[in-house]
Amino acid sequence: MTGKCNADQARAELRGWVLSTAPGLAEDKLTDTTPLLEARLISSLHVPELLLLIERLRGRPIDLSALSAGDLKDLGTICARFLE
């Protein structure tokens, strides 16, 4: 998927990416409010890759100076902050 996509496609791609980084996680256990870092589904080492994925999905860069700690809390927050 290249360029900007719709929010549902972006959410699905983000879910797939998280599930691929946390292979022991059952798909039905990953909701829009499941904490990604706090639950250790992704690590700080995954954050740059996640940011690049978000940028690709939204079709434009993220202003890193405007990024706050809670922006990557869960899928719902990521989608609301960056993709909708």
PDB file of N, CA and C in Angstrom:
ATOM      1  N   MET A   1       0.848  -1.165   0.000  1.00  0.00           N
ATOM      2  CA  MET A   1       0.000   0.000   0.000  1.00  0.00           C
ATOM      3  C   MET A   1       0.896   1.231   0.000  1.00  0.00           C
ATOM      4  N   THR A   2       0.676   2.123  -0.938  1.00  0.00           N
ATOM      5  CA  THR A   2       1.505   3.313  -1.014  1.00  0.00           C
ATOM      6  C   THR A   2       0.641   4.543  -0.944  1.00  0.00           C
ATOM      7  N   GLY A   3       1.258   5.660  -0.534  1.00  0.00           N
ATOM      8  CA  GLY A   3       0.529   6.912  -0.451  1.00  0.00           C
ATOM      9  C   GLY A   3      -0.508   6.888   0.647  1.00  0.00           C
ATOM     10  N   LYS A   4      -1.432   7.842   0.573  1.00  0.00           N
ATOM     11  CA  LYS A   4      -2.467   7.970   1.593  1.00  0.00           C
ATOM     12  C   LYS A   4      -3.547   6.915   1.393  1.00  0.00           C
ATOM     13  N   CYS A   5      -4.040   6.349   2.468  1.00  0.00           N
ATOM     14  CA  CYS A   5      -5.111   5.376   2.373  1.00  0.00           C
ATOM     15  C   CYS A   5      -6.232   5.791   3.317  1.00  0.00           C
ATOM     16  N   ASN A   6      -7.346   5.106   3.247  1.00  0.00           N
ATOM     17  CA  ASN A   6      -8.428   5.478   4.155  1.00  0.00           C
ATOM     18  C   ASN A   6      -8.159   4.934   5.556  1.00  0.00           C
ATOM     19  N   ALA A   7      -8.902   5.441   6.508  1.00  0.00           N
ATOM     20  CA  ALA A   7      -8.660   5.113   7.915  1.00  0.00           C
ATOM     21  C   ALA A   7      -8.836   3.627   8.206  1.00  0.00           C
ATOM     22  N   ASP A   8      -9.818   2.972   7.581  1.00  0.00           N
ATOM     23  CA  ASP A   8     -10.028   1.544   7.834  1.00  0.00           C
ATOM     24  C   ASP A   8      -8.864   0.707   7.319  1.00  0.00           C
ATOM     25  N   GLN A   9      -8.375   1.041   6.137  1.00  0.00           N
ATOM     26  CA  GLN A   9      -7.215   0.326   5.586  1.00  0.00           C
ATOM     27  C   GLN A   9      -5.990   0.550   6.464  1.00  0.00           C
ATOM     28  N   ALA A  10      -5.809   1.795   6.905  1.00  0.00           N
ATOM     29  CA  ALA A  10      -4.659   2.126   7.749  1.00  0.00           C
ATOM     30  C   ALA A  10      -4.728   1.367   9.068  1.00  0.00           C
ATOM     31  N   ARG A  11      -5.903   1.346   9.674  1.00  0.00           N
ATOM     32  CA  ARG A  11      -6.082   0.636  10.945  1.00  0.00           C
ATOM     33  C   ARG A  11      -5.765  -0.847  10.762  1.00  0.00           C
ATOM     34  N   ALA A  12      -6.234  -1.442   9.669  1.00  0.00           N
ATOM     35  CA  ALA A  12      -5.973  -2.857   9.400  1.00  0.00           C
ATOM     36  C   ALA A  12      -4.482  -3.109   9.212  1.00  0.00           C
ATOM     37  N   GLU A  13      -3.810  -2.228   8.497  1.00  0.00           N
ATOM     38  CA  GLU A  13      -2.371  -2.411   8.286  1.00  0.00           C
ATOM     39  C   GLU A  13      -1.604  -2.238   9.595  1.00  0.00           C
ATOM     40  N   LEU A  14      -2.007  -1.271  10.406  1.00  0.00           N
ATOM     41  CA  LEU A  14      -1.365  -1.085  11.716  1.00  0.00           C
ATOM     42  C   LEU A  14      -1.570  -2.315  12.598  1.00  0.00           C
ATOM     43  N   ARG A  15      -2.799  -2.845  12.618  1.00  0.00           N
ATOM     44  CA  ARG A  15      -3.077  -4.059  13.405  1.00  0.00           C
ATOM     45  C   ARG A  15      -2.174  -5.207  12.952  1.00  0.00           C
ATOM     46  N   GLY A  16      -2.076  -5.385  11.643  1.00  0.00           N
ATOM     47  CA  GLY A  16      -1.224  -6.450  11.117  1.00  0.00           C
ATOM     48  C   GLY A  16       0.226  -6.273  11.525  1.00  0.00           C
ATOM     49  N   TRP A  17       0.692  -5.027  11.495  1.00  0.00           N
ATOM     50  CA  TRP A  17       2.079  -4.754  11.876  1.00  0.00           C
ATOM     51  C   TRP A  17       2.293  -5.089  13.357  1.00  0.00           C
ATOM     52  N   VAL A  18       1.380  -4.650  14.225  1.00  0.00           N
ATOM     53  CA  VAL A  18       1.522  -4.944  15.663  1.00  0.00           C
ATOM     54  C   VAL A  18       1.504  -6.450  15.886  1.00  0.00           C
ATOM     55  N   LEU A  19       0.580  -7.140  15.242  1.00  0.00           N
ATOM     56  CA  LEU A  19       0.511  -8.601  15.405  1.00  0.00           C
ATOM     57  C   LEU A  19       1.793  -9.274  14.924  1.00  0.00           C
ATOM     58  N   SER A  20       2.432  -8.717  13.911  1.00  0.00           N
ATOM     59  CA  SER A  20       3.683  -9.307  13.432  1.00  0.00           C
ATOM     60  C   SER A  20       4.847  -9.045  14.380  1.00  0.00           C
ATOM     61  N   THR A  21       4.779  -7.965  15.161  1.00  0.00           N
ATOM     62  CA  THR A  21       5.851  -7.674  16.122  1.00  0.00           C
ATOM     63  C   THR A  21       5.637  -8.408  17.440  1.00  0.00           C
ATOM     64  N   ALA A  22       4.408  -8.844  17.679  1.00  0.00           N
ATOM     65  CA  ALA A  22       4.081  -9.571  18.910  1.00  0.00           C
ATOM     66  C   ALA A  22       3.429 -10.892  18.518  1.00  0.00           C
ATOM     67  N   PRO A  23       4.213 -11.851  17.996  1.00  0.00           N
ATOM     68  CA  PRO A  23       3.641 -13.079  17.440  1.00  0.00           C
ATOM     69  C   PRO A  23       2.869 -13.929  18.447  1.00  0.00           C
ATOM     70  N   GLY A  24       3.090 -13.770  19.726  1.00  0.00           N
ATOM     71  CA  GLY A  24       2.351 -14.542  20.721  1.00  0.00           C
ATOM     72  C   GLY A  24       0.995 -13.949  21.045  1.00  0.00           C
ATOM     73  N   LEU A  25       0.694 -12.788  20.500  1.00  0.00           N
ATOM     74  CA  LEU A  25      -0.556 -12.095  20.781  1.00  0.00           C
ATOM     75  C   LEU A  25      -1.669 -12.639  19.880  1.00  0.00           C
ATOM     76  N   ALA A  26      -2.761 -13.075  20.498  1.00  0.00           N
ATOM     77  CA  ALA A  26      -3.918 -13.531  19.722  1.00  0.00           C
ATOM     78  C   ALA A  26      -4.594 -12.319  19.090  1.00  0.00           C
ATOM     79  N   GLU A  27      -5.015 -12.476  17.853  1.00  0.00           N
ATOM     80  CA  GLU A  27      -5.609 -11.362  17.110  1.00  0.00           C
ATOM     81  C   GLU A  27      -6.797 -10.748  17.845  1.00  0.00           C
ATOM     82  N   ASP A  28      -7.605 -11.580  18.509  1.00  0.00           N
ATOM     83  CA  ASP A  28      -8.783 -11.060  19.205  1.00  0.00           C
ATOM     84  C   ASP A  28      -8.434 -10.314  20.493  1.00  0.00           C
ATOM     85  N   LYS A  29      -7.196 -10.388  20.926  1.00  0.00           N
ATOM     86  CA  LYS A  29      -6.755  -9.666  22.126  1.00  0.00           C
ATOM     87  C   LYS A  29      -6.247  -8.264  21.816  1.00  0.00           C
ATOM     88  N   LEU A  30      -6.078  -7.942  20.531  1.00  0.00           N
ATOM     89  CA  LEU A  30      -5.601  -6.625  20.131  1.00  0.00           C
ATOM     90  C   LEU A  30      -6.804  -5.761  19.754  1.00  0.00           C
ATOM     91  N   THR A  31      -7.149  -4.838  20.631  1.00  0.00           N
ATOM     92  CA  THR A  31      -8.251  -3.911  20.376  1.00  0.00           C
ATOM     93  C   THR A  31      -7.680  -2.525  20.117  1.00  0.00           C
ATOM     94  N   ASP A  32      -8.554  -1.585  19.822  1.00  0.00           N
ATOM     95  CA  ASP A  32      -8.106  -0.207  19.606  1.00  0.00           C
ATOM     96  C   ASP A  32      -7.581   0.437  20.878  1.00  0.00           C
ATOM     97  N   THR A  33      -7.892  -0.146  22.042  1.00  0.00           N
ATOM     98  CA  THR A  33      -7.439   0.442  23.309  1.00  0.00           C
ATOM     99  C   THR A  33      -6.368  -0.384  24.015  1.00  0.00           C
ATOM    100  N   THR A  34      -5.900  -1.446  23.383  1.00  0.00           N
ATOM    101  CA  THR A  34      -4.827  -2.254  23.967  1.00  0.00           C
ATOM    102  C   THR A  34      -3.547  -1.411  23.999  1.00  0.00           C
ATOM    103  N   PRO A  35      -2.970  -1.214  25.185  1.00  0.00           N
ATOM    104  CA  PRO A  35      -1.743  -0.405  25.262  1.00  0.00           C
ATOM    105  C   PRO A  35      -0.566  -1.120  24.590  1.00  0.00           C
ATOM    106  N   LEU A  36       0.042  -0.446  23.643  1.00  0.00           N
ATOM    107  CA  LEU A  36       1.096  -1.083  22.844  1.00  0.00           C
ATOM    108  C   LEU A  36       2.426  -1.155  23.570  1.00  0.00           C
ATOM    109  N   LEU A  37       2.896  -0.038  24.084  1.00  0.00           N
ATOM    110  CA  LEU A  37       4.190  -0.025  24.780  1.00  0.00           C
ATOM    111  C   LEU A  37       4.054  -0.574  26.196  1.00  0.00           C
ATOM    112  N   GLU A  38       3.018  -0.138  26.899  1.00  0.00           N
ATOM    113  CA  GLU A  38       2.820  -0.559  28.285  1.00  0.00           C
ATOM    114  C   GLU A  38       2.662  -2.080  28.404  1.00  0.00           C
ATOM    115  N   ALA A  39       1.975  -2.681  27.439  1.00  0.00           N
ATOM    116  CA  ALA A  39       1.782  -4.132  27.435  1.00  0.00           C
ATOM    117  C   ALA A  39       2.950  -4.857  26.772  1.00  0.00           C
ATOM    118  N   ARG A  40       3.948  -4.098  26.351  1.00  0.00           N
ATOM    119  CA  ARG A  40       5.153  -4.630  25.715  1.00  0.00           C
ATOM    120  C   ARG A  40       4.870  -5.407  24.432  1.00  0.00           C
ATOM    121  N   LEU A  41       3.857  -4.940  23.714  1.00  0.00           N
ATOM    122  CA  LEU A  41       3.570  -5.529  22.407  1.00  0.00           C
ATOM    123  C   LEU A  41       4.554  -4.995  21.380  1.00  0.00           C
ATOM    124  N   ILE A  42       4.992  -3.763  21.596  1.00  0.00           N
ATOM    125  CA  ILE A  42       6.084  -3.191  20.820  1.00  0.00           C
ATOM    126  C   ILE A  42       7.081  -2.620  21.821  1.00  0.00           C
ATOM    127  N   SER A  43       8.321  -2.536  21.409  1.00  0.00           N
ATOM    128  CA  SER A  43       9.360  -1.969  22.267  1.00  0.00           C
ATOM    129  C   SER A  43       9.777  -0.614  21.708  1.00  0.00           C
ATOM    130  N   SER A  44      10.597   0.074  22.452  1.00  0.00           N
ATOM    131  CA  SER A  44      11.099   1.361  21.975  1.00  0.00           C
ATOM    132  C   SER A  44      11.887   1.195  20.675  1.00  0.00           C
ATOM    133  N   LEU A  45      12.447   0.022  20.459  1.00  0.00           N
ATOM    134  CA  LEU A  45      13.174  -0.237  19.213  1.00  0.00           C
ATOM    135  C   LEU A  45      12.236  -0.301  18.002  1.00  0.00           C
ATOM    136  N   HIS A  46      10.952  -0.586  18.240  1.00  0.00           N
ATOM    137  CA  HIS A  46       9.970  -0.640  17.157  1.00  0.00           C
ATOM    138  C   HIS A  46       9.423   0.739  16.789  1.00  0.00           C
ATOM    139  N   VAL A  47       9.589   1.721  17.656  1.00  0.00           N
ATOM    140  CA  VAL A  47       8.975   3.036  17.445  1.00  0.00           C
ATOM    141  C   VAL A  47       9.395   3.684  16.119  1.00  0.00           C
ATOM    142  N   PRO A  48      10.677   3.709  15.759  1.00  0.00           N
ATOM    143  CA  PRO A  48      11.027   4.307  14.461  1.00  0.00           C
ATOM    144  C   PRO A  48      10.330   3.615  13.286  1.00  0.00           C
ATOM    145  N   GLU A  49      10.262   2.292  13.324  1.00  0.00           N
ATOM    146  CA  GLU A  49       9.585   1.554  12.258  1.00  0.00           C
ATOM    147  C   GLU A  49       8.088   1.895  12.230  1.00  0.00           C
ATOM    148  N   LEU A  50       7.480   2.005  13.418  1.00  0.00           N
ATOM    149  CA  LEU A  50       6.074   2.379  13.516  1.00  0.00           C
ATOM    150  C   LEU A  50       5.842   3.777  12.947  1.00  0.00           C
ATOM    151  N   LEU A  51       6.713   4.711  13.285  1.00  0.00           N
ATOM    152  CA  LEU A  51       6.574   6.076  12.770  1.00  0.00           C
ATOM    153  C   LEU A  51       6.690   6.101  11.249  1.00  0.00           C
ATOM    154  N   LEU A  52       7.609   5.342  10.697  1.00  0.00           N
ATOM    155  CA  LEU A  52       7.737   5.270   9.238  1.00  0.00           C
ATOM    156  C   LEU A  52       6.487   4.670   8.597  1.00  0.00           C
ATOM    157  N   LEU A  53       5.917   3.662   9.226  1.00  0.00           N
ATOM    158  CA  LEU A  53       4.681   3.065   8.726  1.00  0.00           C
ATOM    159  C   LEU A  53       3.554   4.093   8.747  1.00  0.00           C
ATOM    160  N   ILE A  54       3.414   4.816   9.832  1.00  0.00           N
ATOM    161  CA  ILE A  54       2.367   5.840   9.938  1.00  0.00           C
ATOM    162  C   ILE A  54       2.554   6.898   8.852  1.00  0.00           C
ATOM    163  N   GLU A  55       3.788   7.325   8.661  1.00  0.00           N
ATOM    164  CA  GLU A  55       4.058   8.328   7.624  1.00  0.00           C
ATOM    165  C   GLU A  55       3.666   7.811   6.244  1.00  0.00           C
ATOM    166  N   ARG A  56       3.972   6.564   5.979  1.00  0.00           N
ATOM    167  CA  ARG A  56       3.620   5.981   4.683  1.00  0.00           C
ATOM    168  C   ARG A  56       2.108   5.903   4.525  1.00  0.00           C
ATOM    169  N   LEU A  57       1.415   5.498   5.580  1.00  0.00           N
ATOM    170  CA  LEU A  57      -0.035   5.371   5.513  1.00  0.00           C
ATOM    171  C   LEU A  57      -0.732   6.720   5.332  1.00  0.00           C
ATOM    172  N   ARG A  58      -0.202   7.756   5.958  1.00  0.00           N
ATOM    173  CA  ARG A  58      -0.856   9.066   5.860  1.00  0.00           C
ATOM    174  C   ARG A  58      -0.378   9.877   4.663  1.00  0.00           C
ATOM    175  N   GLY A  59       0.715   9.433   4.054  1.00  0.00           N
ATOM    176  CA  GLY A  59       1.189  10.092   2.851  1.00  0.00           C
ATOM    177  C   GLY A  59       1.947  11.376   3.083  1.00  0.00           C
ATOM    178  N   ARG A  60       2.370  11.608   4.309  1.00  0.00           N
ATOM    179  CA  ARG A  60       3.164  12.800   4.630  1.00  0.00           C
ATOM    180  C   ARG A  60       3.920  12.565   5.932  1.00  0.00           C
ATOM    181  N   PRO A  61       4.995  13.340   6.151  1.00  0.00           N
ATOM    182  CA  PRO A  61       5.808  13.141   7.353  1.00  0.00           C
ATOM    183  C   PRO A  61       5.083  13.559   8.633  1.00  0.00           C
ATOM    184  N   ILE A  62       5.561  13.017   9.721  1.00  0.00           N
ATOM    185  CA  ILE A  62       5.097  13.407  11.053  1.00  0.00           C
ATOM    186  C   ILE A  62       6.047  14.474  11.564  1.00  0.00           C
ATOM    187  N   ASP A  63       5.512  15.531  12.125  1.00  0.00           N
ATOM    188  CA  ASP A  63       6.331  16.567  12.752  1.00  0.00           C
ATOM    189  C   ASP A  63       6.779  16.025  14.113  1.00  0.00           C
ATOM    190  N   LEU A  64       7.996  15.543  14.175  1.00  0.00           N
ATOM    191  CA  LEU A  64       8.496  14.919  15.401  1.00  0.00           C
ATOM    192  C   LEU A  64       8.543  15.883  16.573  1.00  0.00           C
ATOM    193  N   SER A  65       8.678  17.173  16.303  1.00  0.00           N
ATOM    194  CA  SER A  65       8.696  18.149  17.398  1.00  0.00           C
ATOM    195  C   SER A  65       7.326  18.276  18.053  1.00  0.00           C
ATOM    196  N   ALA A  66       6.276  17.861  17.352  1.00  0.00           N
ATOM    197  CA  ALA A  66       4.920  17.928  17.905  1.00  0.00           C
ATOM    198  C   ALA A  66       4.471  16.588  18.491  1.00  0.00           C
ATOM    199  N   LEU A  67       5.326  15.588  18.428  1.00  0.00           N
ATOM    200  CA  LEU A  67       5.001  14.258  18.935  1.00  0.00           C
ATOM    201  C   LEU A  67       5.039  14.259  20.455  1.00  0.00           C
ATOM    202  N   SER A  68       4.000  13.702  21.072  1.00  0.00           N
ATOM    203  CA  SER A  68       3.989  13.609  22.538  1.00  0.00           C
ATOM    204  C   SER A  68       3.962  12.140  22.955  1.00  0.00           C
ATOM    205  N   ALA A  69       4.268  11.900  24.199  1.00  0.00           N
ATOM    206  CA  ALA A  69       4.419  10.532  24.706  1.00  0.00           C
ATOM    207  C   ALA A  69       3.175   9.677  24.493  1.00  0.00           C
ATOM    208  N   GLY A  70       2.005  10.231  24.610  1.00  0.00           N
ATOM    209  CA  GLY A  70       0.782   9.451  24.492  1.00  0.00           C
ATOM    210  C   GLY A  70       0.303   9.214  23.078  1.00  0.00           C
ATOM    211  N   ASP A  71       0.963   9.784  22.076  1.00  0.00           N
ATOM    212  CA  ASP A  71       0.507   9.672  20.696  1.00  0.00           C
ATOM    213  C   ASP A  71       0.559   8.249  20.149  1.00  0.00           C
ATOM    214  N   LEU A  72       1.367   7.399  20.737  1.00  0.00           N
ATOM    215  CA  LEU A  72       1.518   6.026  20.266  1.00  0.00           C
ATOM    216  C   LEU A  72       0.977   5.024  21.282  1.00  0.00           C
ATOM    217  N   LYS A  73       0.087   5.480  22.145  1.00  0.00           N
ATOM    218  CA  LYS A  73      -0.435   4.667  23.241  1.00  0.00           C
ATOM    219  C   LYS A  73      -1.110   3.382  22.758  1.00  0.00           C
ATOM    220  N   ASP A  74      -2.003   3.513  21.774  1.00  0.00           N
ATOM    221  CA  ASP A  74      -2.769   2.374  21.267  1.00  0.00           C
ATOM    222  C   ASP A  74      -3.206   2.662  19.836  1.00  0.00           C
ATOM    223  N   LEU A  75      -3.810   1.677  19.196  1.00  0.00           N
ATOM    224  CA  LEU A  75      -4.211   1.846  17.798  1.00  0.00           C
ATOM    225  C   LEU A  75      -5.236   2.958  17.620  1.00  0.00           C
ATOM    226  N   GLY A  76      -6.184   3.057  18.543  1.00  0.00           N
ATOM    227  CA  GLY A  76      -7.196   4.101  18.453  1.00  0.00           C
ATOM    228  C   GLY A  76      -6.590   5.488  18.521  1.00  0.00           C
ATOM    229  N   THR A  77      -5.637   5.686  19.409  1.00  0.00           N
ATOM    230  CA  THR A  77      -4.969   6.974  19.543  1.00  0.00           C
ATOM    231  C   THR A  77      -4.137   7.289  18.305  1.00  0.00           C
ATOM    232  N   ILE A  78      -3.415   6.309  17.812  1.00  0.00           N
ATOM    233  CA  ILE A  78      -2.599   6.508  16.606  1.00  0.00           C
ATOM    234  C   ILE A  78      -3.481   6.931  15.431  1.00  0.00           C
ATOM    235  N   CYS A  79      -4.584   6.231  15.249  1.00  0.00           N
ATOM    236  CA  CYS A  79      -5.483   6.548  14.130  1.00  0.00           C
ATOM    237  C   CYS A  79      -6.096   7.932  14.292  1.00  0.00           C
ATOM    238  N   ALA A  80      -6.560   8.265  15.489  1.00  0.00           N
ATOM    239  CA  ALA A  80      -7.163   9.572  15.714  1.00  0.00           C
ATOM    240  C   ALA A  80      -6.147  10.693  15.542  1.00  0.00           C
ATOM    241  N   ARG A  81      -4.946  10.481  16.018  1.00  0.00           N
ATOM    242  CA  ARG A  81      -3.912  11.532  15.984  1.00  0.00           C
ATOM    243  C   ARG A  81      -3.307  11.724  14.600  1.00  0.00           C
ATOM    244  N   PHE A  82      -3.125  10.646  13.855  1.00  0.00           N
ATOM    245  CA  PHE A  82      -2.352  10.734  12.620  1.00  0.00           C
ATOM    246  C   PHE A  82      -3.098  10.375  11.333  1.00  0.00           C
ATOM    247  N   LEU A  83      -4.180   9.612  11.420  1.00  0.00           N
ATOM    248  CA  LEU A  83      -4.744   9.056  10.193  1.00  0.00           C
ATOM    249  C   LEU A  83      -6.169   9.483   9.874  1.00  0.00           C
ATOM    250  N   GLU A  84      -6.836  10.159  10.783  1.00  0.00           N
ATOM    251  CA  GLU A  84      -8.233  10.536  10.502  1.00  0.00           C
ATOM    252  C   GLU A  84      -8.363  12.005  10.227  1.00  0.00           C
TER     253      GLU A  84
END
